[in-house]
């Protein structure tokens, strides 16, 4: 096969891979919306540490300072809360990739009565935040940062299933902080040192 045909085949394969990724992401979005809630006491610090360990294993060459506050607890569905933290910490991990000293913090804001994931990464224009949690919305080029635009929609749906809310604060090139609450009025307050 000549080079032109080989290029067509490569393009077709890349397109098929992108389509498969999008289909998987849409299925995940559907699962988050319809999964049965199994409410229990959840150690969010342990969930966050698990997510960080998965990211470190997948990217052993990256050195990222991650601080997870101890004693972060809430009542909710552990699986859906894992989806929330996996997406928020995963995004922080991804968007700090070009930093010399990448930092991620997971904690509790007593003032906001919400958990947060904060990073010193690429950030975004906060004026665009209204679009942030809609499916397929991206603020950065896929050439700069991979992704489907489904992750934050999953976060929003999982948090809504917990009768909570999610919001973000950011500035371009100055990092981002994502906050989320659950319907548990005592979230975060129990056992935070």
Protein backbone atom coordinates (compact mmCIF):
# COMPACT_ATOMS: atom_id res chain seq x y z
CA UNK A 1 0.00 0.00 0.00
CA UNK A 2 1.38 3.43 -0.88
CA UNK A 3 1.92 6.22 1.67
CA UNK A 4 -1.32 7.99 0.75
CA UNK A 5 -3.40 4.89 1.43
CA UNK A 6 -1.49 4.21 4.64
CA UNK A 7 -2.30 7.78 5.78
CA UNK A 8 -6.01 7.19 5.09
CA UNK A 9 -5.93 3.98 7.11
CA UNK A 10 -4.21 5.78 10.03
CA UNK A 11 -6.87 8.53 9.94
CA UNK A 12 -9.68 5.98 9.88
CA UNK A 13 -8.15 4.12 12.83
CA UNK A 14 -7.73 7.35 14.85
CA UNK A 15 -11.33 8.31 14.08
CA UNK A 16 -12.59 4.89 15.14
CA UNK A 17 -10.56 5.11 18.38
CA UNK A 18 -12.03 8.57 19.13
CA UNK A 19 -15.54 7.30 18.45
CA UNK A 20 -15.04 4.28 20.74
CA UNK A 21 -13.75 6.60 23.49
CA UNK A 22 -16.77 8.89 23.10
CA UNK A 23 -19.20 5.97 23.18
CA UNK A 24 -17.56 4.65 26.36
CA UNK A 25 -17.78 8.14 27.90
CA UNK A 26 -21.48 8.41 27.04
CA UNK A 27 -22.12 5.00 28.58
CA UNK A 28 -20.34 6.18 31.75
CA UNK A 29 -22.52 9.29 31.79
CA UNK A 30 -25.63 7.12 31.52
CA UNK A 31 -24.44 4.82 34.32
CA UNK A 32 -23.80 7.76 36.66
CA UNK A 33 -27.33 9.01 36.03
CA UNK A 34 -29.04 5.66 36.56
CA UNK A 35 -26.92 3.72 39.04
CA UNK A 36 -28.68 2.66 42.23
CA UNK A 37 -27.43 4.69 45.19
CA UNK A 38 -25.84 2.65 47.98
CA UNK A 39 -25.60 5.20 50.77
CA UNK A 40 -22.97 4.64 53.45
CA UNK A 41 -20.31 6.49 55.41
CA UNK A 42 -17.51 7.30 52.94
CA UNK A 43 -13.89 8.11 53.79
CA UNK A 44 -13.18 10.61 50.99
CA UNK A 45 -9.54 10.91 52.06
CA UNK A 46 -9.06 7.18 51.37
CA UNK A 47 -10.92 7.46 48.04
CA UNK A 48 -8.70 10.41 47.03
CA UNK A 49 -5.54 8.52 48.03
CA UNK A 50 -6.69 5.55 45.90
CA UNK A 51 -7.21 7.85 42.91
CA UNK A 52 -3.77 9.41 43.37
CA UNK A 53 -2.16 5.96 43.62
CA UNK A 54 -3.85 4.97 40.33
CA UNK A 55 -2.57 8.14 38.63
CA UNK A 56 0.97 7.60 39.95
CA UNK A 57 0.92 4.01 38.69
CA UNK A 58 -0.30 5.12 35.24
CA UNK A 59 2.32 7.92 35.05
CA UNK A 60 5.34 6.77 37.08
CA UNK A 61 7.56 9.40 35.41
CA UNK A 62 5.47 12.33 36.79
CA UNK A 63 6.39 13.97 40.07
CA UNK A 64 3.32 15.74 41.44
CA UNK A 65 2.96 17.04 44.98
CA UNK A 66 -0.47 15.90 46.16
CA UNK A 67 -1.78 16.82 49.60
CA UNK A 68 -4.94 15.05 50.74
CA UNK A 69 -6.40 16.30 54.01
CA UNK A 70 -6.96 13.48 56.50
CA UNK A 71 -10.42 12.69 57.85
CA UNK A 72 -12.55 13.89 54.92
CA UNK A 73 -15.86 12.06 55.35
CA UNK A 74 -19.40 12.21 54.06
CA UNK A 75 -22.43 10.01 53.61
CA UNK A 76 -23.12 8.87 50.07
CA UNK A 77 -22.50 6.31 47.38
CA UNK A 78 -18.81 5.39 47.44
CA UNK A 79 -18.77 4.44 43.75
CA UNK A 80 -20.26 7.73 42.59
CA UNK A 81 -18.04 9.73 44.93
CA UNK A 82 -15.07 7.85 43.43
CA UNK A 83 -16.29 9.04 40.00
CA UNK A 84 -16.31 12.63 41.33
CA UNK A 85 -12.81 12.48 42.79
CA UNK A 86 -11.36 10.45 39.90
CA UNK A 87 -12.51 13.10 37.43
CA UNK A 88 -11.55 16.15 39.52
CA UNK A 89 -8.15 14.82 40.62
CA UNK A 90 -7.56 13.34 37.15
CA UNK A 91 -8.23 16.74 35.58
CA UNK A 92 -5.92 18.43 38.07
CA UNK A 93 -3.25 15.84 37.24
CA UNK A 94 -3.72 16.41 33.50
CA UNK A 95 -3.82 20.22 33.60
CA UNK A 96 -0.68 20.49 35.77
CA UNK A 97 1.39 18.46 33.28
CA UNK A 98 3.24 21.53 31.99
CA UNK A 99 4.13 22.92 35.41
CA UNK A 100 7.67 22.70 36.77
CA UNK A 101 6.31 22.07 40.29
CA UNK A 102 2.79 20.65 39.89
CA UNK A 103 0.63 20.74 43.02
CA UNK A 104 -2.79 19.30 43.83
CA UNK A 105 -4.66 19.71 47.10
CA UNK A 106 -7.79 17.86 48.22
CA UNK A 107 -9.54 19.25 51.27
CA UNK A 108 -12.53 20.78 53.01
CA UNK A 109 -13.58 24.42 53.03
CA UNK A 110 -15.50 25.21 56.19
CA UNK A 111 -16.41 28.59 54.74
CA UNK A 112 -18.00 27.06 51.63
CA UNK A 113 -19.07 23.89 53.48
CA UNK A 114 -17.71 21.92 50.56
CA UNK A 115 -14.90 19.60 49.59
CA UNK A 116 -12.42 20.90 47.05
CA UNK A 117 -9.73 19.84 44.59
CA UNK A 118 -7.24 22.64 43.87
CA UNK A 119 -4.36 22.71 41.40
CA UNK A 120 -1.79 25.12 40.01
CA UNK A 121 -2.39 24.04 36.41
CA UNK A 122 -3.58 25.64 33.19
CA UNK A 123 -6.79 27.08 34.63
CA UNK A 124 -9.57 28.58 32.50
CA UNK A 125 -11.55 31.77 32.07
CA UNK A 126 -14.12 31.76 34.91
CA UNK A 127 -16.54 33.67 32.67
CA UNK A 128 -16.95 30.40 30.76
CA UNK A 129 -17.73 28.35 33.89
CA UNK A 130 -21.44 28.15 33.04
CA UNK A 131 -20.55 25.74 30.22
CA UNK A 132 -18.10 23.74 32.28
CA UNK A 133 -20.38 20.88 33.39
CA UNK A 134 -22.25 20.35 30.11
CA UNK A 135 -21.29 17.27 28.06
CA UNK A 136 -18.65 17.79 25.36
CA UNK A 137 -17.61 21.26 26.56
CA UNK A 138 -13.87 21.80 26.47
CA UNK A 139 -11.87 24.95 27.16
CA UNK A 140 -8.53 23.60 25.95
CA UNK A 141 -7.57 22.06 22.63
CA UNK A 142 -7.46 18.26 22.50
CA UNK A 143 -3.97 18.70 21.05
CA UNK A 144 -2.90 20.39 24.29
CA UNK A 145 -4.84 18.18 26.73
CA UNK A 146 -6.60 14.90 25.91
CA UNK A 147 -10.18 14.28 26.95
CA UNK A 148 -13.74 13.77 25.79
CA UNK A 149 -15.53 16.63 27.56
CA UNK A 150 -17.67 14.16 29.52
CA UNK A 151 -15.79 13.98 32.85
CA UNK A 152 -17.18 17.13 34.46
CA UNK A 153 -20.68 16.27 33.27
CA UNK A 154 -20.24 12.98 35.16
CA UNK A 155 -19.12 14.95 38.22
CA UNK A 156 -22.15 17.23 38.05
CA UNK A 157 -24.58 14.32 37.73
CA UNK A 158 -22.96 12.31 40.53
CA UNK A 159 -23.02 15.32 42.86
CA UNK A 160 -26.64 16.10 41.92
CA UNK A 161 -27.56 12.52 42.81
CA UNK A 162 -26.24 13.34 46.30
CA UNK A 163 -28.44 16.48 46.47
CA UNK A 164 -25.29 18.58 46.36
CA UNK A 165 -23.76 21.07 44.00
CA UNK A 166 -20.46 21.58 42.19
CA UNK A 167 -18.76 24.79 41.08
CA UNK A 168 -15.34 26.07 40.11
CA UNK A 169 -13.09 29.10 40.51
CA UNK A 170 -10.19 29.69 38.14
CA UNK A 171 -8.05 32.08 36.14
CA UNK A 172 -6.16 31.22 32.97
CA UNK A 173 -2.66 29.94 33.75
CA UNK A 174 -3.29 30.26 37.52
CA UNK A 175 -4.87 26.91 38.32
CA UNK A 176 -8.38 25.95 39.32
CA UNK A 177 -10.35 24.99 42.39
CA UNK A 178 -13.37 22.72 42.05
CA UNK A 179 -15.77 22.58 44.98
CA UNK A 180 -18.50 20.03 45.60
CA UNK A 181 -20.97 19.42 48.37
CA UNK A 182 -23.25 16.53 49.18
CA UNK A 183 -26.66 16.52 50.83
CA UNK A 184 -24.97 15.43 54.07
CA UNK A 185 -25.07 18.61 56.17
CA UNK A 186 -22.19 17.32 58.29
CA UNK A 187 -19.93 16.56 55.30
CA UNK A 188 -16.29 17.18 55.92
CA UNK A 189 -16.79 18.30 59.50
CA UNK A 190 -16.46 14.85 61.01
CA UNK A 191 -12.89 13.95 61.76
CA UNK A 192 -11.16 16.72 59.82
CA UNK A 193 -7.92 17.53 61.65
